[in-house]
Amino acid sequence: MSDEPVAPTATTFEHATSRLGKIVDELERGDLPLEKSLELFEEGVRLARLAEERIASAEKRVEELLAVDPQGRPVIRKLPIGDEP
C-alpha cells in the first residue's frame, strides 16, 4: 500500500485509518519541515472526516437492518450496496 494520498471517494475505511496511523507516526517524530507537517495534517483531517462518514453510514445501515414496525415485525426495505444512492 502506498503512502501517497488517495482520492477520498476511492478510500475505504480501512485504508483511511491505516493511512491516518502512518500520518500520526510521521507527525509525532517531529522531524518534518513545517510545510510537510501542514500537508500531512490536512490529509489526516480529510481522512478522519472520511472515516467518520463511513462509520455513520455503516451505523445507519445497521439501524435500518434492525428496524421493526409498531407491531414488532422487521422492516424490510432494499438497501443500497456499496456507494449506490
PDB file of N, CA and C in Angstrom:
ATOM      1  N   MET A   1       0.850  -1.178   0.000  1.00  0.00           N
ATOM      2  CA  MET A   1       0.000   0.000   0.000  1.00  0.00           C
ATOM      3  C   MET A   1       0.890   1.233   0.000  1.00  0.00           C
ATOM      4  N   SER A   2       0.543   2.193  -0.799  1.00  0.00           N
ATOM      5  CA  SER A   2       1.317   3.415  -0.952  1.00  0.00           C
ATOM      6  C   SER A   2       1.047   4.386   0.184  1.00  0.00           C
ATOM      7  N   ASP A   3       2.027   5.249   0.469  1.00  0.00           N
ATOM      8  CA  ASP A   3       1.838   6.302   1.453  1.00  0.00           C
ATOM      9  C   ASP A   3       1.358   7.583   0.795  1.00  0.00           C
ATOM     10  N   GLU A   4       1.062   7.528  -0.485  1.00  0.00           N
ATOM     11  CA  GLU A   4       0.589   8.709  -1.198  1.00  0.00           C
ATOM     12  C   GLU A   4      -0.889   8.924  -0.928  1.00  0.00           C
ATOM     13  N   PRO A   5      -1.337  10.188  -0.910  1.00  0.00           N
ATOM     14  CA  PRO A   5      -2.759  10.466  -0.705  1.00  0.00           C
ATOM     15  C   PRO A   5      -3.601   9.822  -1.798  1.00  0.00           C
ATOM     16  N   VAL A   6      -4.787   9.390  -1.420  1.00  0.00           N
ATOM     17  CA  VAL A   6      -5.717   8.764  -2.360  1.00  0.00           C
ATOM     18  C   VAL A   6      -6.986   9.600  -2.372  1.00  0.00           C
ATOM     19  N   ALA A   7      -7.624   9.678  -3.529  1.00  0.00           N
ATOM     20  CA  ALA A   7      -8.879  10.422  -3.640  1.00  0.00           C
ATOM     21  C   ALA A   7      -9.874   9.857  -2.631  1.00  0.00           C
ATOM     22  N   PRO A   8     -10.541  10.721  -1.843  1.00  0.00           N
ATOM     23  CA  PRO A   8     -11.454  10.250  -0.808  1.00  0.00           C
ATOM     24  C   PRO A   8     -12.527   9.289  -1.300  1.00  0.00           C
ATOM     25  N   THR A   9     -13.036   9.469  -2.508  1.00  0.00           N
ATOM     26  CA  THR A   9     -14.092   8.593  -2.999  1.00  0.00           C
ATOM     27  C   THR A   9     -13.590   7.178  -3.210  1.00  0.00           C
ATOM     28  N   ALA A  10     -12.281   6.997  -3.383  1.00  0.00           N
ATOM     29  CA  ALA A  10     -11.717   5.673  -3.626  1.00  0.00           C
ATOM     30  C   ALA A  10     -11.161   5.061  -2.344  1.00  0.00           C
ATOM     31  N   THR A  11     -11.286   5.725  -1.223  1.00  0.00           N
ATOM     32  CA  THR A  11     -10.678   5.285   0.015  1.00  0.00           C
ATOM     33  C   THR A  11     -11.662   4.500   0.873  1.00  0.00           C
ATOM     34  N   THR A  12     -11.245   3.323   1.290  1.00  0.00           N
ATOM     35  CA  THR A  12     -12.057   2.537   2.207  1.00  0.00           C
ATOM     36  C   THR A  12     -11.792   3.011   3.634  1.00  0.00           C
ATOM     37  N   PHE A  13     -12.655   2.611   4.551  1.00  0.00           N
ATOM     38  CA  PHE A  13     -12.462   2.934   5.960  1.00  0.00           C
ATOM     39  C   PHE A  13     -11.117   2.385   6.432  1.00  0.00           C
ATOM     40  N   GLU A  14     -10.827   1.149   6.051  1.00  0.00           N
ATOM     41  CA  GLU A  14      -9.588   0.511   6.482  1.00  0.00           C
ATOM     42  C   GLU A  14      -8.353   1.245   5.949  1.00  0.00           C
ATOM     43  N   HIS A  15      -8.408   1.651   4.685  1.00  0.00           N
ATOM     44  CA  HIS A  15      -7.278   2.387   4.126  1.00  0.00           C
ATOM     45  C   HIS A  15      -7.135   3.733   4.819  1.00  0.00           C
ATOM     46  N   ALA A  16      -8.255   4.413   5.063  1.00  0.00           N
ATOM     47  CA  ALA A  16      -8.210   5.725   5.705  1.00  0.00           C
ATOM     48  C   ALA A  16      -7.583   5.634   7.088  1.00  0.00           C
ATOM     49  N   THR A  17      -7.998   4.647   7.883  1.00  0.00           N
ATOM     50  CA  THR A  17      -7.459   4.536   9.237  1.00  0.00           C
ATOM     51  C   THR A  17      -6.000   4.092   9.228  1.00  0.00           C
ATOM     52  N   SER A  18      -5.636   3.242   8.281  1.00  0.00           N
ATOM     53  CA  SER A  18      -4.241   2.821   8.162  1.00  0.00           C
ATOM     54  C   SER A  18      -3.351   4.008   7.796  1.00  0.00           C
ATOM     55  N   ARG A  19      -3.777   4.740   6.796  1.00  0.00           N
ATOM     56  CA  ARG A  19      -3.004   5.918   6.359  1.00  0.00           C
ATOM     57  C   ARG A  19      -2.956   6.963   7.467  1.00  0.00           C
ATOM     58  N   LEU A  20      -4.049   7.137   8.172  1.00  0.00           N
ATOM     59  CA  LEU A  20      -4.095   8.090   9.270  1.00  0.00           C
ATOM     60  C   LEU A  20      -3.084   7.714  10.354  1.00  0.00           C
ATOM     61  N   GLY A  21      -2.968   6.443  10.637  1.00  0.00           N
ATOM     62  CA  GLY A  21      -1.973   5.976  11.615  1.00  0.00           C
ATOM     63  C   GLY A  21      -0.558   6.307  11.180  1.00  0.00           C
ATOM     64  N   LYS A  22      -0.280   6.128   9.891  1.00  0.00           N
ATOM     65  CA  LYS A  22       1.055   6.446   9.372  1.00  0.00           C
ATOM     66  C   LYS A  22       1.330   7.946   9.461  1.00  0.00           C
ATOM     67  N   ILE A  23       0.313   8.743   9.181  1.00  0.00           N
ATOM     68  CA  ILE A  23       0.469  10.200   9.266  1.00  0.00           C
ATOM     69  C   ILE A  23       0.774  10.608  10.704  1.00  0.00           C
ATOM     70  N   VAL A  24       0.039  10.039  11.648  1.00  0.00           N
ATOM     71  CA  VAL A  24       0.270  10.351  13.055  1.00  0.00           C
ATOM     72  C   VAL A  24       1.704   9.993  13.443  1.00  0.00           C
ATOM     73  N   ASP A  25       2.154   8.823  13.025  1.00  0.00           N
ATOM     74  CA  ASP A  25       3.538   8.408  13.327  1.00  0.00           C
ATOM     75  C   ASP A  25       4.546   9.412  12.775  1.00  0.00           C
ATOM     76  N   GLU A  26       4.339   9.821  11.528  1.00  0.00           N
ATOM     77  CA  GLU A  26       5.257  10.779  10.904  1.00  0.00           C
ATOM     78  C   GLU A  26       5.263  12.111  11.651  1.00  0.00           C
ATOM     79  N   LEU A  27       4.078  12.600  11.995  1.00  0.00           N
ATOM     80  CA  LEU A  27       3.984  13.886  12.677  1.00  0.00           C
ATOM     81  C   LEU A  27       4.568  13.815  14.085  1.00  0.00           C
ATOM     82  N   GLU A  28       4.389  12.699  14.765  1.00  0.00           N
ATOM     83  CA  GLU A  28       4.915  12.554  16.119  1.00  0.00           C
ATOM     84  C   GLU A  28       6.434  12.515  16.167  1.00  0.00           C
ATOM     85  N   ARG A  29       7.066  12.104  15.086  1.00  0.00           N
ATOM     86  CA  ARG A  29       8.536  12.116  15.055  1.00  0.00           C
ATOM     87  C   ARG A  29       9.063  13.535  15.221  1.00  0.00           C
ATOM     88  N   GLY A  30       8.337  14.505  14.690  1.00  0.00           N
ATOM     89  CA  GLY A  30       8.714  15.906  14.863  1.00  0.00           C
ATOM     90  C   GLY A  30       9.888  16.375  14.045  1.00  0.00           C
ATOM     91  N   ASP A  31      10.274  15.613  13.026  1.00  0.00           N
ATOM     92  CA  ASP A  31      11.444  16.000  12.248  1.00  0.00           C
ATOM     93  C   ASP A  31      11.110  16.493  10.841  1.00  0.00           C
ATOM     94  N   LEU A  32       9.847  16.784  10.596  1.00  0.00           N
ATOM     95  CA  LEU A  32       9.428  17.226   9.260  1.00  0.00           C
ATOM     96  C   LEU A  32       9.442  18.751   9.166  1.00  0.00           C
ATOM     97  N   PRO A  33       9.686  19.256   7.965  1.00  0.00           N
ATOM     98  CA  PRO A  33       9.556  20.703   7.766  1.00  0.00           C
ATOM     99  C   PRO A  33       8.099  21.122   7.974  1.00  0.00           C
ATOM    100  N   LEU A  34       7.904  22.370   8.310  1.00  0.00           N
ATOM    101  CA  LEU A  34       6.571  22.890   8.606  1.00  0.00           C
ATOM    102  C   LEU A  34       5.588  22.631   7.477  1.00  0.00           C
ATOM    103  N   GLU A  35       5.974  22.913   6.242  1.00  0.00           N
ATOM    104  CA  GLU A  35       5.047  22.734   5.114  1.00  0.00           C
ATOM    105  C   GLU A  35       4.623  21.277   4.957  1.00  0.00           C
ATOM    106  N   LYS A  36       5.560  20.356   5.119  1.00  0.00           N
ATOM    107  CA  LYS A  36       5.219  18.935   5.015  1.00  0.00           C
ATOM    108  C   LYS A  36       4.307  18.525   6.166  1.00  0.00           C
ATOM    109  N   SER A  37       4.566  19.054   7.359  1.00  0.00           N
ATOM    110  CA  SER A  37       3.713  18.770   8.509  1.00  0.00           C
ATOM    111  C   SER A  37       2.296  19.262   8.261  1.00  0.00           C
ATOM    112  N   LEU A  38       2.151  20.469   7.728  1.00  0.00           N
ATOM    113  CA  LEU A  38       0.820  21.008   7.430  1.00  0.00           C
ATOM    114  C   LEU A  38       0.110  20.177   6.370  1.00  0.00           C
ATOM    115  N   GLU A  39       0.849  19.765   5.365  1.00  0.00           N
ATOM    116  CA  GLU A  39       0.278  18.938   4.293  1.00  0.00           C
ATOM    117  C   GLU A  39      -0.251  17.626   4.865  1.00  0.00           C
ATOM    118  N   LEU A  40       0.553  16.984   5.714  1.00  0.00           N
ATOM    119  CA  LEU A  40       0.128  15.729   6.323  1.00  0.00           C
ATOM    120  C   LEU A  40      -1.045  15.938   7.273  1.00  0.00           C
ATOM    121  N   PHE A  41      -1.018  17.036   8.019  1.00  0.00           N
ATOM    122  CA  PHE A  41      -2.117  17.332   8.931  1.00  0.00           C
ATOM    123  C   PHE A  41      -3.417  17.502   8.154  1.00  0.00           C
ATOM    124  N   GLU A  42      -3.377  18.236   7.056  1.00  0.00           N
ATOM    125  CA  GLU A  42      -4.571  18.435   6.222  1.00  0.00           C
ATOM    126  C   GLU A  42      -5.085  17.113   5.680  1.00  0.00           C
ATOM    127  N   GLU A  43      -4.176  16.273   5.211  1.00  0.00           N
ATOM    128  CA  GLU A  43      -4.581  14.956   4.712  1.00  0.00           C
ATOM    129  C   GLU A  43      -5.209  14.144   5.840  1.00  0.00           C
ATOM    130  N   GLY A  44      -4.624  14.219   7.021  1.00  0.00           N
ATOM    131  CA  GLY A  44      -5.154  13.494   8.171  1.00  0.00           C
ATOM    132  C   GLY A  44      -6.557  13.937   8.537  1.00  0.00           C
ATOM    133  N   VAL A  45      -6.799  15.231   8.504  1.00  0.00           N
ATOM    134  CA  VAL A  45      -8.142  15.743   8.805  1.00  0.00           C
ATOM    135  C   VAL A  45      -9.139  15.219   7.776  1.00  0.00           C
ATOM    136  N   ARG A  46      -8.768  15.251   6.503  1.00  0.00           N
ATOM    137  CA  ARG A  46      -9.664  14.731   5.456  1.00  0.00           C
ATOM    138  C   ARG A  46      -9.958  13.247   5.681  1.00  0.00           C
ATOM    139  N   LEU A  47      -8.922  12.487   6.003  1.00  0.00           N
ATOM    140  CA  LEU A  47      -9.106  11.055   6.221  1.00  0.00           C
ATOM    141  C   LEU A  47      -9.952  10.777   7.458  1.00  0.00           C
ATOM    142  N   ALA A  48      -9.756  11.547   8.515  1.00  0.00           N
ATOM    143  CA  ALA A  48     -10.554  11.366   9.732  1.00  0.00           C
ATOM    144  C   ALA A  48     -12.028  11.655   9.449  1.00  0.00           C
ATOM    145  N   ARG A  49     -12.293  12.696   8.700  1.00  0.00           N
ATOM    146  CA  ARG A  49     -13.685  13.020   8.348  1.00  0.00           C
ATOM    147  C   ARG A  49     -14.292  11.930   7.480  1.00  0.00           C
ATOM    148  N   LEU A  50     -13.508  11.435   6.533  1.00  0.00           N
ATOM    149  CA  LEU A  50     -13.992  10.370   5.661  1.00  0.00           C
ATOM    150  C   LEU A  50     -14.303   9.118   6.483  1.00  0.00           C
ATOM    151  N   ALA A  51     -13.427   8.773   7.422  1.00  0.00           N
ATOM    152  CA  ALA A  51     -13.658   7.602   8.268  1.00  0.00           C
ATOM    153  C   ALA A  51     -14.920   7.792   9.101  1.00  0.00           C
ATOM    154  N   GLU A  52     -15.132   8.983   9.634  1.00  0.00           N
ATOM    155  CA  GLU A  52     -16.343   9.277  10.401  1.00  0.00           C
ATOM    156  C   GLU A  52     -17.589   9.103   9.531  1.00  0.00           C
ATOM    157  N   GLU A  53     -17.518   9.559   8.278  1.00  0.00           N
ATOM    158  CA  GLU A  53     -18.652   9.403   7.359  1.00  0.00           C
ATOM    159  C   GLU A  53     -18.939   7.934   7.089  1.00  0.00           C
ATOM    160  N   ARG A  54     -17.866   7.150   6.901  1.00  0.00           N
ATOM    161  CA  ARG A  54     -18.043   5.712   6.643  1.00  0.00           C
ATOM    162  C   ARG A  54     -18.678   5.029   7.858  1.00  0.00           C
ATOM    163  N   ILE A  55     -18.265   5.418   9.068  1.00  0.00           N
ATOM    164  CA  ILE A  55     -18.841   4.840  10.281  1.00  0.00           C
ATOM    165  C   ILE A  55     -20.315   5.227  10.397  1.00  0.00           C
ATOM    166  N   ALA A  56     -20.632   6.486  10.175  1.00  0.00           N
ATOM    167  CA  ALA A  56     -22.017   6.948  10.254  1.00  0.00           C
ATOM    168  C   ALA A  56     -22.892   6.200   9.254  1.00  0.00           C
ATOM    169  N   SER A  57     -22.384   5.993   8.059  1.00  0.00           N
ATOM    170  CA  SER A  57     -23.130   5.267   7.037  1.00  0.00           C
ATOM    171  C   SER A  57     -23.364   3.817   7.458  1.00  0.00           C
ATOM    172  N   ALA A  58     -22.345   3.189   8.014  1.00  0.00           N
ATOM    173  CA  ALA A  58     -22.483   1.805   8.467  1.00  0.00           C
ATOM    174  C   ALA A  58     -23.480   1.714   9.620  1.00  0.00           C
ATOM    175  N   GLU A  59     -23.428   2.670  10.546  1.00  0.00           N
ATOM    176  CA  GLU A  59     -24.374   2.679  11.663  1.00  0.00           C
ATOM    177  C   GLU A  59     -25.806   2.821  11.162  1.00  0.00           C
ATOM    178  N   LYS A  60     -26.006   3.678  10.170  1.00  0.00           N
ATOM    179  CA  LYS A  60     -27.346   3.875   9.607  1.00  0.00           C
ATOM    180  C   LYS A  60     -27.849   2.582   8.975  1.00  0.00           C
ATOM    181  N   ARG A  61     -26.978   1.898   8.254  1.00  0.00           N
ATOM    182  CA  ARG A  61     -27.381   0.638   7.622  1.00  0.00           C
ATOM    183  C   ARG A  61     -27.752  -0.399   8.666  1.00  0.00           C
ATOM    184  N   VAL A  62     -26.979  -0.476   9.747  1.00  0.00           N
ATOM    185  CA  VAL A  62     -27.283  -1.434  10.814  1.00  0.00           C
ATOM    186  C   VAL A  62     -28.626  -1.091  11.452  1.00  0.00           C
ATOM    187  N   GLU A  63     -28.870   0.187  11.726  1.00  0.00           N
ATOM    188  CA  GLU A  63     -30.142   0.604  12.305  1.00  0.00           C
ATOM    189  C   GLU A  63     -31.304   0.217  11.397  1.00  0.00           C
ATOM    190  N   GLU A  64     -31.130   0.400  10.090  1.00  0.00           N
ATOM    191  CA  GLU A  64     -32.188   0.040   9.151  1.00  0.00           C
ATOM    192  C   GLU A  64     -32.417  -1.468   9.133  1.00  0.00           C
ATOM    193  N   LEU A  65     -31.325  -2.228   9.238  1.00  0.00           N
ATOM    194  CA  LEU A  65     -31.460  -3.680   9.236  1.00  0.00           C
ATOM    195  C   LEU A  65     -32.147  -4.191  10.497  1.00  0.00           C
ATOM    196  N   LEU A  66     -31.981  -3.494  11.595  1.00  0.00           N
ATOM    197  CA  LEU A  66     -32.559  -3.925  12.863  1.00  0.00           C
ATOM    198  C   LEU A  66     -33.925  -3.296  13.146  1.00  0.00           C
ATOM    199  N   ALA A  67     -34.416  -2.471  12.239  1.00  0.00           N
ATOM    200  CA  ALA A  67     -35.669  -1.739  12.461  1.00  0.00           C
ATOM    201  C   ALA A  67     -36.861  -2.694  12.532  1.00  0.00           C
ATOM    202  N   VAL A  68     -37.831  -2.314  13.386  1.00  0.00           N
ATOM    203  CA  VAL A  68     -39.094  -3.046  13.477  1.00  0.00           C
ATOM    204  C   VAL A  68     -40.238  -2.039  13.377  1.00  0.00           C
ATOM    205  N   ASP A  69     -41.377  -2.507  12.870  1.00  0.00           N
ATOM    206  CA  ASP A  69     -42.540  -1.626  12.771  1.00  0.00           C
ATOM    207  C   ASP A  69     -43.281  -1.616  14.111  1.00  0.00           C
ATOM    208  N   PRO A  70     -44.351  -0.814  14.237  1.00  0.00           N
ATOM    209  CA  PRO A  70     -45.074  -0.729  15.522  1.00  0.00           C
ATOM    210  C   PRO A  70     -45.621  -2.073  16.013  1.00  0.00           C
ATOM    211  N   GLN A  71     -45.838  -3.018  15.114  1.00  0.00           N
ATOM    212  CA  GLN A  71     -46.324  -4.344  15.513  1.00  0.00           C
ATOM    213  C   GLN A  71     -45.181  -5.297  15.871  1.00  0.00           C
ATOM    214  N   GLY A  72     -43.948  -4.818  15.799  1.00  0.00           N
ATOM    215  CA  GLY A  72     -42.803  -5.648  16.159  1.00  0.00           C
ATOM    216  C   GLY A  72     -42.264  -6.514  15.043  1.00  0.00           C
ATOM    217  N   ARG A  73     -42.762  -6.289  13.824  1.00  0.00           N
ATOM    218  CA  ARG A  73     -42.271  -7.057  12.673  1.00  0.00           C
ATOM    219  C   ARG A  73     -41.057  -6.350  12.081  1.00  0.00           C
ATOM    220  N   PRO A  74     -40.118  -7.121  11.549  1.00  0.00           N
ATOM    221  CA  PRO A  74     -38.949  -6.495  10.915  1.00  0.00           C
ATOM    222  C   PRO A  74     -39.374  -5.625   9.734  1.00  0.00           C
ATOM    223  N   VAL A  75     -38.754  -4.481   9.625  1.00  0.00           N
ATOM    224  CA  VAL A  75     -38.997  -3.594   8.494  1.00  0.00           C
ATOM    225  C   VAL A  75     -38.056  -4.052   7.385  1.00  0.00           C
ATOM    226  N   ILE A  76     -38.658  -4.347   6.242  1.00  0.00           N
ATOM    227  CA  ILE A  76     -37.860  -4.843   5.123  1.00  0.00           C
ATOM    228  C   ILE A  76     -37.849  -3.795   4.030  1.00  0.00           C
ATOM    229  N   ARG A  77     -36.670  -3.388   3.654  1.00  0.00           N
ATOM    230  CA  ARG A  77     -36.529  -2.462   2.530  1.00  0.00           C
ATOM    231  C   ARG A  77     -35.182  -2.728   1.865  1.00  0.00           C
ATOM    232  N   LYS A  78     -35.135  -2.447   0.605  1.00  0.00           N
ATOM    233  CA  LYS A  78     -33.904  -2.648  -0.147  1.00  0.00           C
ATOM    234  C   LYS A  78     -32.883  -1.596   0.282  1.00  0.00           C
ATOM    235  N   LEU A  79     -31.700  -2.063   0.625  1.00  0.00           N
ATOM    236  CA  LEU A  79     -30.617  -1.163   0.996  1.00  0.00           C
ATOM    237  C   LEU A  79     -29.649  -1.035  -0.164  1.00  0.00           C
ATOM    238  N   PRO A  80     -29.060   0.137  -0.330  1.00  0.00           N
ATOM    239  CA  PRO A  80     -28.065   0.291  -1.382  1.00  0.00           C
ATOM    240  C   PRO A  80     -26.831  -0.559  -1.084  1.00  0.00           C
ATOM    241  N   ILE A  81     -26.208  -1.023  -2.127  1.00  0.00           N
ATOM    242  CA  ILE A  81     -24.996  -1.817  -1.986  1.00  0.00           C
ATOM    243  C   ILE A  81     -23.817  -0.944  -2.396  1.00  0.00           C
ATOM    244  N   GLY A  82     -22.768  -0.934  -1.591  1.00  0.00           N
ATOM    245  CA  GLY A  82     -21.601  -0.121  -1.914  1.00  0.00           C
ATOM    246  C   GLY A  82     -21.918   1.341  -1.832  1.00  0.00           C
ATOM    247  N   ASP A  83     -21.588   2.089  -2.885  1.00  0.00           N
ATOM    248  CA  ASP A  83     -21.794   3.529  -2.897  1.00  0.00           C
ATOM    249  C   ASP A  83     -23.045   3.935  -3.656  1.00  0.00           C
ATOM    250  N   GLU A  84     -23.958   2.972  -3.918  1.00  0.00           N
ATOM    251  CA  GLU A  84     -25.197   3.324  -4.623  1.00  0.00           C
ATOM    252  C   GLU A  84     -26.025   4.256  -3.752  1.00  0.00           C
ATOM    253  N   PRO A  85     -26.750   5.178  -4.358  1.00  0.00           N
ATOM    254  CA  PRO A  85     -27.630   6.071  -3.573  1.00  0.00           C
ATOM    255  C   PRO A  85     -28.836   5.349  -3.032  1.00  0.00           C
TER     256      PRO A  85
END
